[in-house]
Amino acid sequence: MAEAGVIVQARMNSARVPGKVLRPLAGRPLLGHLLDRLRTLGLPVVVATSDDSSDDAIASFCVAEGVAVHRGSLDDVAERFVGAAREYDVDPIVRVSGDSPLLDPALVRRALALWEPGLLVTNVRPRTFPTGQSVEAFELAALEGAELTDDAREHVTSTLYEQLRVQNFSHAPDLSHLRLTLDTDEDAVRLDALFARMERPPSDYSLAELVELCSA
């Protein structure tokens, strides 16, 4: 029987910061920090990576961590999501990016609490949460039945915004100016400094605490 779960998209061949999802932060790979947070949800978590040899390291890391992994097309990320959801019976899906080591699990819970069939729940459009705190919840059937453009095959949900009812949840005040992701070299420097200021395990910090730490 299908169960709501999280699918994390992750690959090593990022154009801007190659290998970023396994880059060490405070002695642990970035993806490991994200998985530490997602484990607290008690939900299925699947890492969707590619079957390209460049992503062998991600698959090996997931096996070592005891985390489910699905391997599919390098370029067709939507196909990877469908394959991961089918293989591990995940439905609805909460989509998360593998370059978000500080994602607050409470946002996954909030998205699922709002979700119902025929709905795309998002905190991305419009964005009021920091980059690196993005979640989208939708049903597998919506992705299976979508007429996907090339953009949607890469970014997964772009077509769903046109085909489903969209329920956005937001943060007040607007925190969209903050970056808690790793997508540039500047992000890497910022995250290293942020992790260095932490006095507890990184997975213990809520979003509110992270925002406070950013301004310290």
Foldseek 3Di string as FASTA:
>chain_A
DAEAAEEEEDFQCFPAHGHQLQDDAPRGGLLVLQVVQRVVVVGAYEYQYAPDPRCPVVVVVCVVVVHHYFHHHHQQVLVSVLVRCVVVRHFFYKYAYSQQSQAHVVVVVVQVVPDDAQEKEWCVVPHQAAASHTIITYGSVLSVPFPDDSVCSRVVCPRVPVRGHYHYDHDPPRPHVHHRGDNHPVNVVLSNVLSVPDPDPSSVDHSVRSVVSSVD
